[in-house]
Amino acid sequence: MADLDRLASLEHKIKERPKLVFGKSIDFGNGIGQEFFALKDIRNWLMHFTSTYETFVVDNMTIHGLADNSRFEALGGEDAVRALQTAEGTIAEIIRLREIPTQNIPYHLQSWLGRIPV
């Protein structure tokens, strides 16, 4: 309830809630935990960009305060696939914390992702 009152960040929730619910935490220094925070950092950079405060002049037009979109421009299709895999892997890790046997995780993911296990 305190998290709701103070509008806890995603970082706080993903770090603290598994400990509260399962008594275990995701390892954020390696593997999927590290990938999750790298993805979160990219997302935050894209959503909360800052202007460079540079000026661009062409003919009789002047633009002040350009946004740096280089990170967006550098993204490709493989980044979209990696983001999806990271999101799915994070959910799988939370399911694993419930001590679900590894071979059963795809079946539990079905209710989250709608993907039928093969």
Protein backbone atom coordinates (compact mmCIF):
# COMPACT_ATOMS: atom_id res chain seq x y z
CA MET A 1 0.00 0.00 0.00
CA ALA A 2 2.91 2.34 0.71
CA ASP A 3 4.13 1.79 -2.87
CA LEU A 4 0.76 2.92 -4.17
CA ASP A 5 0.73 5.99 -1.95
CA ARG A 6 4.17 7.13 -3.07
CA LEU A 7 3.86 6.01 -6.71
CA ALA A 8 6.81 3.63 -6.47
CA SER A 9 8.99 3.40 -9.55
CA LEU A 10 9.16 0.35 -11.79
CA GLU A 11 12.72 -0.19 -10.58
CA HIS A 12 11.57 -0.30 -6.95
CA LYS A 13 8.70 -2.65 -7.77
CA ILE A 14 10.76 -5.12 -9.80
CA LYS A 15 13.48 -5.19 -7.13
CA GLU A 16 11.32 -5.32 -4.01
CA ARG A 17 8.08 -7.11 -4.80
CA PRO A 18 9.55 -10.52 -5.71
CA LYS A 19 11.34 -10.46 -2.34
CA LEU A 20 8.07 -9.66 -0.57
CA VAL A 21 6.02 -12.26 -2.43
CA PHE A 22 8.50 -15.11 -2.97
CA GLY A 23 11.25 -14.35 -0.45
CA LYS A 24 13.73 -14.21 -3.34
CA SER A 25 15.02 -11.57 -5.69
CA ILE A 26 15.97 -11.47 -9.34
CA ASP A 27 19.73 -11.22 -9.90
CA PHE A 28 20.10 -7.80 -11.49
CA GLY A 29 23.86 -8.08 -11.90
CA ASN A 30 23.66 -10.88 -14.48
CA GLY A 31 21.44 -12.51 -17.06
CA ILE A 32 17.85 -11.44 -17.52
CA GLY A 33 17.92 -9.02 -14.59
CA GLN A 34 20.81 -7.12 -16.13
CA GLU A 35 19.14 -7.21 -19.56
CA PHE A 36 15.90 -5.89 -18.05
CA PHE A 37 17.60 -2.81 -16.61
CA ALA A 38 19.51 -2.19 -19.84
CA LEU A 39 16.16 -2.27 -21.68
CA LYS A 40 14.60 0.01 -19.05
CA ASP A 41 17.45 2.49 -19.53
CA ILE A 42 16.87 2.56 -23.30
CA ARG A 43 13.13 3.02 -22.76
CA ASN A 44 13.72 5.85 -20.30
CA TRP A 45 16.17 7.55 -22.66
CA LEU A 46 13.64 7.39 -25.48
CA MET A 47 10.69 8.55 -23.38
CA HIS A 48 12.46 11.19 -21.29
CA PHE A 49 14.85 12.66 -23.84
CA THR A 50 16.39 16.07 -23.35
CA SER A 51 16.99 18.81 -25.83
CA THR A 52 20.56 19.55 -26.81
CA TYR A 53 19.95 23.31 -26.91
CA GLU A 54 21.76 23.52 -30.20
CA THR A 55 20.57 25.79 -32.98
CA PHE A 56 20.04 24.65 -36.54
CA VAL A 57 19.74 27.26 -39.29
CA VAL A 58 18.63 26.55 -42.86
CA ASP A 59 17.89 29.42 -45.22
CA ASN A 60 15.46 31.64 -43.34
CA MET A 61 14.42 29.03 -40.75
CA THR A 62 16.00 28.65 -37.30
CA ILE A 63 15.32 25.77 -34.90
CA HIS A 64 16.38 26.12 -31.25
CA GLY A 65 16.64 23.22 -28.80
CA LEU A 66 16.99 20.12 -30.93
CA ALA A 67 16.35 16.69 -29.45
CA ASP A 68 19.11 14.11 -29.74
CA ASN A 69 17.47 11.14 -31.48
CA SER A 70 20.69 9.27 -32.24
CA ARG A 71 19.83 6.39 -29.91
CA PHE A 72 16.43 6.00 -31.58
CA GLU A 73 18.02 6.10 -35.03
CA ALA A 74 20.51 3.41 -33.95
CA LEU A 75 17.74 0.95 -33.04
CA GLY A 76 16.89 -1.82 -35.46
CA GLY A 77 14.65 -4.83 -35.79
CA GLU A 78 16.97 -6.96 -33.69
CA ASP A 79 16.48 -4.50 -30.81
CA ALA A 80 12.71 -5.00 -30.99
CA VAL A 81 13.17 -8.77 -30.86
CA ARG A 82 15.63 -8.46 -27.96
CA ALA A 83 13.18 -6.19 -26.07
CA LEU A 84 10.39 -8.76 -26.46
CA GLN A 85 12.70 -11.59 -25.38
CA THR A 86 13.83 -9.57 -22.37
CA ALA A 87 10.25 -8.83 -21.30
CA GLU A 88 9.27 -12.49 -21.70
CA GLY A 89 12.45 -13.63 -19.95
CA THR A 90 11.75 -11.34 -17.01
CA ILE A 91 8.27 -12.83 -16.63
CA ALA A 92 9.79 -16.32 -16.84
CA GLU A 93 12.27 -15.37 -14.11
CA ILE A 94 9.45 -14.22 -11.84
CA ILE A 95 7.68 -17.53 -12.48
CA ARG A 96 10.94 -19.37 -11.70
CA LEU A 97 11.10 -17.56 -8.35
CA ARG A 98 7.82 -19.32 -7.52
CA GLU A 99 9.88 -22.54 -7.68
CA ILE A 100 8.02 -23.78 -10.76
CA PRO A 101 10.06 -26.57 -12.40
CA THR A 102 11.92 -25.27 -15.44
CA GLN A 103 10.15 -27.64 -17.82
CA ASN A 104 6.76 -26.23 -16.69
CA ILE A 105 7.60 -22.54 -17.15
CA PRO A 106 6.41 -22.45 -20.81
CA TYR A 107 2.96 -23.59 -19.67
CA HIS A 108 2.81 -20.86 -17.04
CA LEU A 109 3.94 -18.31 -19.60
CA GLN A 110 0.96 -19.25 -21.76
CA SER A 111 -1.41 -17.41 -19.41
CA TRP A 112 0.82 -14.32 -19.49
CA LEU A 113 1.73 -14.27 -23.16
CA GLY A 114 -1.00 -16.25 -24.87
CA ARG A 115 1.66 -18.35 -26.58
CA ILE A 116 0.92 -22.05 -26.73
CA PRO A 117 3.94 -24.08 -25.55
CA VAL A 118 5.55 -26.20 -28.21
